Amino acid sequence: MPTPLTPQALLSREDAAKALNANGFPTTSKSLATLATRGGGPIYRSFGRRVLYRWEDVIAWAEGRLSKPRTSTSEADAADRRRMRSSMKA
């Protein structure tokens, strides 16, 4: 599925997963379903028994899961060490 034409476009769970994949965010409809029950997924709406996602909510959720830009893999290692040290102090 190509990128929806408008940010307001409503997508089924399957179409939301396809659109995310087409935009470089590997996701399955099953993962979206699991996140809908456990929390942590994109905002969704119901239309009867059908779940619908607004494209702008889906892409904002996916972009929110991206790491900060890095120039080296060692930057991730340093960030992990800082997180570990701060959690040990708590």
C-alpha atoms as a PDB file:
ATOM      1  CA  MET A   1       0.000   0.000   0.000  1.00  0.00           C
ATOM      2  CA  PRO A   2       1.401   3.413  -0.909  1.00  0.00           C
ATOM      3  CA  THR A   3       1.407   6.290   1.558  1.00  0.00           C
ATOM      4  CA  PRO A   4      -2.162   7.521   2.120  1.00  0.00           C
ATOM      5  CA  LEU A   5      -2.985  10.746   0.309  1.00  0.00           C
ATOM      6  CA  THR A   6      -3.950  12.727   3.407  1.00  0.00           C
ATOM      7  CA  PRO A   7      -2.925  12.655   7.064  1.00  0.00           C
ATOM      8  CA  GLN A   8      -6.619  12.294   7.939  1.00  0.00           C
ATOM      9  CA  ALA A   9      -7.065   9.096   5.914  1.00  0.00           C
ATOM     10  CA  LEU A  10      -8.593   6.243   7.920  1.00  0.00           C
ATOM     11  CA  LEU A  11      -6.941   2.855   7.478  1.00  0.00           C
ATOM     12  CA  SER A  12      -7.854  -0.651   8.533  1.00  0.00           C
ATOM     13  CA  ARG A  13      -5.321  -2.410  10.738  1.00  0.00           C
ATOM     14  CA  GLU A  14      -4.059  -4.384   7.736  1.00  0.00           C
ATOM     15  CA  ASP A  15      -3.711  -1.242   5.597  1.00  0.00           C
ATOM     16  CA  ALA A  16      -1.987   0.628   8.435  1.00  0.00           C
ATOM     17  CA  ALA A  17       0.604  -2.154   8.704  1.00  0.00           C
ATOM     18  CA  LYS A  18       1.096  -2.181   4.918  1.00  0.00           C
ATOM     19  CA  ALA A  19       1.513   1.618   4.810  1.00  0.00           C
ATOM     20  CA  LEU A  20       4.031   1.525   7.666  1.00  0.00           C
ATOM     21  CA  ASN A  21       6.015  -1.183   5.866  1.00  0.00           C
ATOM     22  CA  ALA A  22       5.946   0.814   2.629  1.00  0.00           C
ATOM     23  CA  ASN A  23       7.416   3.758   4.561  1.00  0.00           C
ATOM     24  CA  GLY A  24      10.250   1.791   6.148  1.00  0.00           C
ATOM     25  CA  PHE A  25       8.660   0.835   9.476  1.00  0.00           C
ATOM     26  CA  PRO A  26       8.413  -2.983   9.555  1.00  0.00           C
ATOM     27  CA  THR A  27       5.165  -3.767  11.373  1.00  0.00           C
ATOM     28  CA  THR A  28       2.529  -6.478  11.148  1.00  0.00           C
ATOM     29  CA  SER A  29      -1.195  -6.158  11.640  1.00  0.00           C
ATOM     30  CA  LYS A  30      -0.855  -8.771  14.386  1.00  0.00           C
ATOM     31  CA  SER A  31       1.615  -6.532  16.238  1.00  0.00           C
ATOM     32  CA  LEU A  32      -0.813  -3.615  15.974  1.00  0.00           C
ATOM     33  CA  ALA A  33      -3.595  -5.838  17.347  1.00  0.00           C
ATOM     34  CA  THR A  34      -1.428  -6.904  20.279  1.00  0.00           C
ATOM     35  CA  LEU A  35      -0.486  -3.296  21.024  1.00  0.00           C
ATOM     36  CA  ALA A  36      -4.162  -2.306  20.903  1.00  0.00           C
ATOM     37  CA  THR A  37      -4.918  -4.756  23.712  1.00  0.00           C
ATOM     38  CA  ARG A  38      -1.774  -4.229  25.798  1.00  0.00           C
ATOM     39  CA  GLY A  39      -1.166  -0.547  25.142  1.00  0.00           C
ATOM     40  CA  GLY A  40       1.725   1.255  23.538  1.00  0.00           C
ATOM     41  CA  GLY A  41       0.424   1.288  19.975  1.00  0.00           C
ATOM     42  CA  PRO A  42      -0.950   4.070  17.815  1.00  0.00           C
ATOM     43  CA  ILE A  43      -4.277   5.705  18.623  1.00  0.00           C
ATOM     44  CA  TYR A  44      -7.196   3.962  16.942  1.00  0.00           C
ATOM     45  CA  ARG A  45     -10.941   4.375  16.598  1.00  0.00           C
ATOM     46  CA  SER A  46     -13.780   1.919  16.245  1.00  0.00           C
ATOM     47  CA  PHE A  47     -16.427   1.916  13.561  1.00  0.00           C
ATOM     48  CA  GLY A  48     -18.767  -0.795  14.723  1.00  0.00           C
ATOM     49  CA  ARG A  49     -16.564  -3.850  15.139  1.00  0.00           C
ATOM     50  CA  ARG A  50     -13.923  -2.486  12.806  1.00  0.00           C
ATOM     51  CA  VAL A  51     -10.731  -0.801  14.037  1.00  0.00           C
ATOM     52  CA  LEU A  52      -9.546   2.250  12.105  1.00  0.00           C
ATOM     53  CA  TYR A  53      -6.282   4.165  12.375  1.00  0.00           C
ATOM     54  CA  ARG A  54      -5.786   7.748  11.213  1.00  0.00           C
ATOM     55  CA  TRP A  55      -2.613   7.866   9.099  1.00  0.00           C
ATOM     56  CA  GLU A  56      -1.190  10.878  10.962  1.00  0.00           C
ATOM     57  CA  ASP A  57      -1.525   8.992  14.273  1.00  0.00           C
ATOM     58  CA  VAL A  58       0.128   5.874  12.868  1.00  0.00           C
ATOM     59  CA  ILE A  59       3.116   7.669  11.362  1.00  0.00           C
ATOM     60  CA  ALA A  60       3.562   9.844  14.482  1.00  0.00           C
ATOM     61  CA  TRP A  61       3.609   6.684  16.619  1.00  0.00           C
ATOM     62  CA  ALA A  62       6.187   5.028  14.345  1.00  0.00           C
ATOM     63  CA  GLU A  63       8.419   8.119  14.217  1.00  0.00           C
ATOM     64  CA  GLY A  64       8.189   8.388  17.997  1.00  0.00           C
ATOM     65  CA  ARG A  65       9.802   4.955  18.266  1.00  0.00           C
ATOM     66  CA  LEU A  66      12.883   6.038  16.284  1.00  0.00           C
ATOM     67  CA  SER A  67      16.140   6.604  18.109  1.00  0.00           C
ATOM     68  CA  LYS A  68      17.911   9.949  18.034  1.00  0.00           C
ATOM     69  CA  PRO A  69      20.161  10.381  14.968  1.00  0.00           C
ATOM     70  CA  ARG A  70      23.577   8.764  15.366  1.00  0.00           C
ATOM     71  CA  THR A  71      26.830   8.919  13.478  1.00  0.00           C
ATOM     72  CA  SER A  72      28.332   5.787  15.009  1.00  0.00           C
ATOM     73  CA  THR A  73      27.254   2.541  16.644  1.00  0.00           C
ATOM     74  CA  SER A  74      29.386   3.477  19.653  1.00  0.00           C
ATOM     75  CA  GLU A  75      26.968   6.339  20.390  1.00  0.00           C
ATOM     76  CA  ALA A  76      24.271   3.775  21.150  1.00  0.00           C
ATOM     77  CA  ASP A  77      26.628   1.887  23.451  1.00  0.00           C
ATOM     78  CA  ALA A  78      27.455   5.075  25.386  1.00  0.00           C
ATOM     79  CA  ALA A  79      23.759   5.965  25.731  1.00  0.00           C
ATOM     80  CA  ASP A  80      23.010   2.458  27.018  1.00  0.00           C
ATOM     81  CA  ARG A  81      25.784   2.734  29.625  1.00  0.00           C
ATOM     82  CA  ARG A  82      24.455   6.108  30.822  1.00  0.00           C
ATOM     83  CA  ARG A  83      20.942   4.665  31.129  1.00  0.00           C
ATOM     84  CA  MET A  84      22.233   1.684  33.100  1.00  0.00           C
ATOM     85  CA  ARG A  85      24.175   3.944  35.501  1.00  0.00           C
ATOM     86  CA  SER A  86      21.193   6.215  36.095  1.00  0.00           C
ATOM     87  CA  SER A  87      18.854   3.261  36.726  1.00  0.00           C
ATOM     88  CA  MET A  88      21.295   1.784  39.247  1.00  0.00           C
ATOM     89  CA  LYS A  89      21.233   5.040  41.240  1.00  0.00           C
ATOM     90  CA  ALA A  90      17.448   5.011  41.482  1.00  0.00           C
END
